[in-house]
Amino acid sequence: MDQDAVLARNAAAGDVAAFTALVRAHEAAVRRFLGRLTRDGADDDLAQEVFLRAWRSAGAYRGDGSYRGWLLRIAWTEFLGSTRAAGRRAARDQSAYEAGQPPQRDAEAALDLARALAALGERERAAASLCFGEGCSHSEAAEIMGLPLGTLKSILARARTALASRLEIG
């Protein structure tokens, strides 16, 4: 049994220290994923909601997949819920960027990627973030998003094409 499974079992029994260890181990992945999905800086609030929900339902983790995958599934569900509750939001205001100094090349590339991701639909953005950003397998991403594997692959192919077009990648 891996360390996450042992910690998860202990957390389900109410062990706060075990849950804290799980949060520390997976917090960065959850925040990265949510950061790529959100357009309005709500990733910190959503991450807190993810970990609150994970604590409240610690006994629901069955160990079928990775604990990280389970948390990312909660993150995806929380994101969808917040999007539905808030409705569609306008794209992030770029005026501060446009008024400032031109960034360094790496920062420019990161901004280009962020803009390209932001232009995708939420399912394409999530699939791309999971597979390209978080290193999830197609199967794991499909499970996290609650989609059939073939559907995930189709969404990912559309996302890859759109990103390549926006980033002018051959």
Protein backbone atom coordinates (compact mmCIF):
# COMPACT_ATOMS: atom_id res chain seq x y z
CA MET A 1 0.00 0.00 0.00
CA ASP A 2 1.48 3.38 -0.99
CA GLN A 3 1.99 6.22 1.45
CA ASP A 4 -0.96 8.26 0.12
CA ALA A 5 -3.30 5.32 0.68
CA VAL A 6 -2.14 4.95 4.28
CA LEU A 7 -2.46 8.69 4.89
CA ALA A 8 -5.90 8.74 3.24
CA ARG A 9 -7.11 5.88 5.43
CA ASN A 10 -5.83 7.71 8.53
CA ALA A 11 -7.39 10.99 7.38
CA ALA A 12 -10.73 9.22 6.90
CA ALA A 13 -10.44 8.14 10.53
CA GLY A 14 -10.06 11.81 11.55
CA ASP A 15 -6.26 12.12 11.65
CA VAL A 16 -5.65 15.81 10.91
CA ALA A 17 -1.88 15.32 10.61
CA ALA A 18 -2.36 12.66 7.93
CA PHE A 19 -4.67 14.94 5.97
CA THR A 20 -2.21 17.82 6.35
CA ALA A 21 0.51 15.62 4.85
CA LEU A 22 -1.78 14.82 1.90
CA VAL A 23 -2.53 18.50 1.38
CA ARG A 24 1.17 19.36 1.41
CA ALA A 25 1.94 16.59 -1.06
CA HIS A 26 -0.79 17.54 -3.57
CA GLU A 27 -1.56 21.21 -3.02
CA ALA A 28 0.73 22.45 -5.79
CA ALA A 29 -0.85 20.16 -8.40
CA VAL A 30 -4.37 21.22 -7.40
CA ARG A 31 -3.45 24.91 -7.46
CA ARG A 32 -1.69 24.60 -10.84
CA PHE A 33 -4.69 22.83 -12.34
CA LEU A 34 -7.16 25.37 -10.99
CA GLY A 35 -4.88 28.24 -11.96
CA ARG A 36 -4.97 27.09 -15.56
CA LEU A 37 -8.75 26.77 -15.50
CA THR A 38 -9.74 30.02 -13.86
CA ARG A 39 -9.76 33.35 -15.60
CA ASP A 40 -10.54 35.57 -12.64
CA GLY A 41 -8.00 34.62 -10.00
CA ALA A 42 -10.46 32.44 -8.10
CA ASP A 43 -8.00 29.55 -7.96
CA ASP A 44 -7.01 30.17 -4.32
CA ASP A 45 -10.63 30.16 -3.14
CA LEU A 46 -11.40 27.09 -5.24
CA ALA A 47 -8.33 25.26 -3.90
CA GLN A 48 -9.52 25.90 -0.36
CA GLU A 49 -12.94 24.54 -1.28
CA VAL A 50 -11.33 21.46 -2.80
CA PHE A 51 -9.43 20.65 0.38
CA LEU A 52 -12.43 21.39 2.59
CA ARG A 53 -14.52 19.05 0.48
CA ALA A 54 -11.76 16.43 0.53
CA TRP A 55 -11.59 16.62 4.33
CA ARG A 56 -15.36 16.40 4.71
CA SER A 57 -15.54 13.40 2.39
CA ALA A 58 -12.21 11.77 3.31
CA GLY A 59 -13.96 8.43 3.72
CA ALA A 60 -15.15 8.54 0.10
CA TYR A 61 -11.66 7.92 -1.28
CA ARG A 62 -11.71 4.23 -2.22
CA GLY A 63 -8.14 3.91 -3.44
CA ASP A 64 -9.18 2.93 -6.98
CA GLY A 65 -6.84 5.54 -8.46
CA SER A 66 -4.25 7.96 -7.20
CA TYR A 67 -5.09 10.35 -4.40
CA ARG A 68 -3.89 13.19 -6.62
CA GLY A 69 -6.39 12.09 -9.28
CA TRP A 70 -9.15 12.01 -6.68
CA LEU A 71 -8.30 15.56 -5.60
CA LEU A 72 -8.13 16.76 -9.20
CA ARG A 73 -11.57 15.26 -9.79
CA ILE A 74 -12.87 17.27 -6.83
CA ALA A 75 -11.10 20.35 -8.24
CA TRP A 76 -12.77 19.86 -11.63
CA THR A 77 -16.17 19.46 -9.98
CA GLU A 78 -15.62 22.56 -7.83
CA PHE A 79 -14.54 24.53 -10.89
CA LEU A 80 -17.64 23.50 -12.82
CA GLY A 81 -19.84 24.40 -9.87
CA SER A 82 -18.26 27.82 -9.47
CA THR A 83 -18.54 28.48 -13.20
CA ARG A 84 -22.21 27.58 -13.22
CA ALA A 85 -22.89 29.61 -10.10
CA ALA A 86 -21.09 32.70 -11.38
CA GLY A 87 -22.17 32.36 -15.00
CA ARG A 88 -19.86 33.19 -17.84
CA ARG A 89 -17.29 35.83 -16.95
CA ALA A 90 -15.48 38.24 -19.21
CA ALA A 91 -11.88 37.45 -20.11
CA ARG A 92 -9.22 38.88 -17.86
CA ASP A 93 -8.48 42.56 -18.40
CA GLN A 94 -5.19 42.90 -20.25
CA SER A 95 -4.76 46.66 -19.79
CA ALA A 96 -2.19 46.31 -17.00
CA TYR A 97 -0.04 44.10 -19.20
CA GLU A 98 -0.39 46.41 -22.19
CA ALA A 99 0.53 49.48 -20.11
CA GLY A 100 3.66 47.87 -18.63
CA GLN A 101 7.10 47.14 -19.98
CA PRO A 102 7.48 44.30 -22.48
CA PRO A 103 8.26 41.10 -20.55
CA GLN A 104 11.30 38.90 -21.03
CA ARG A 105 11.04 36.16 -23.68
CA ASP A 106 10.16 33.40 -21.17
CA ALA A 107 7.52 35.56 -19.57
CA GLU A 108 6.15 36.40 -23.03
CA ALA A 109 5.90 32.70 -23.89
CA ALA A 110 4.15 31.99 -20.59
CA LEU A 111 1.71 34.81 -21.21
CA ASP A 112 1.08 33.58 -24.76
CA LEU A 113 0.36 30.10 -23.41
CA ALA A 114 -1.93 31.47 -20.70
CA ARG A 115 -3.86 33.47 -23.29
CA ALA A 116 -4.09 30.48 -25.63
CA LEU A 117 -5.40 28.31 -22.78
CA ALA A 118 -7.86 31.01 -21.72
CA ALA A 119 -9.26 31.10 -25.27
CA LEU A 120 -10.19 27.40 -25.08
CA GLY A 121 -13.52 26.17 -23.81
CA GLU A 122 -13.55 24.91 -20.25
CA ARG A 123 -13.46 21.20 -21.17
CA GLU A 124 -10.59 21.70 -23.64
CA ARG A 125 -8.70 23.85 -21.12
CA ALA A 126 -9.17 21.25 -18.38
CA ALA A 127 -8.12 18.34 -20.61
CA ALA A 128 -5.03 20.22 -21.82
CA SER A 129 -4.13 21.27 -18.29
CA LEU A 130 -4.47 17.75 -16.95
CA CYS A 131 -2.59 15.96 -19.75
CA PHE A 132 -0.01 18.56 -20.76
CA GLY A 133 0.38 20.53 -17.54
CA GLU A 134 -0.12 17.91 -14.83
CA GLY A 135 1.19 14.88 -16.72
CA CYS A 136 -1.97 12.84 -16.25
CA SER A 137 -2.54 9.90 -18.56
CA HIS A 138 -5.53 10.06 -20.88
CA SER A 139 -7.28 7.46 -18.73
CA GLU A 140 -6.65 9.39 -15.54
CA ALA A 141 -7.79 12.68 -17.11
CA ALA A 142 -10.94 10.99 -18.42
CA GLU A 143 -11.69 9.66 -14.94
CA ILE A 144 -11.03 13.05 -13.31
CA MET A 145 -13.36 14.79 -15.75
CA GLY A 146 -15.97 12.03 -15.65
CA LEU A 147 -15.76 11.38 -19.39
CA PRO A 148 -15.38 8.28 -21.56
CA LEU A 149 -11.79 7.84 -22.72
CA GLY A 150 -12.69 8.40 -26.39
CA THR A 151 -14.46 11.66 -25.57
CA LEU A 152 -11.46 12.88 -23.60
CA LYS A 153 -9.16 12.04 -26.52
CA SER A 154 -11.40 13.98 -28.93
CA ILE A 155 -11.49 16.99 -26.62
CA LEU A 156 -7.72 16.82 -26.18
CA ALA A 157 -7.17 16.63 -29.95
CA ARG A 158 -9.29 19.77 -30.44
CA ALA A 159 -7.40 21.51 -27.64
CA ARG A 160 -4.02 20.54 -29.12
CA THR A 161 -5.04 21.83 -32.57
CA ALA A 162 -6.37 25.10 -31.15
CA LEU A 163 -3.28 25.65 -29.00
CA ALA A 164 -0.93 24.88 -31.90
CA SER A 165 -2.84 27.34 -34.08
CA ARG A 166 -2.85 30.09 -31.47
CA LEU A 167 0.82 29.56 -30.64
CA GLU A 168 1.78 29.09 -34.30
CA ILE A 169 3.34 25.69 -33.68
CA GLY A 170 3.77 23.44 -36.71
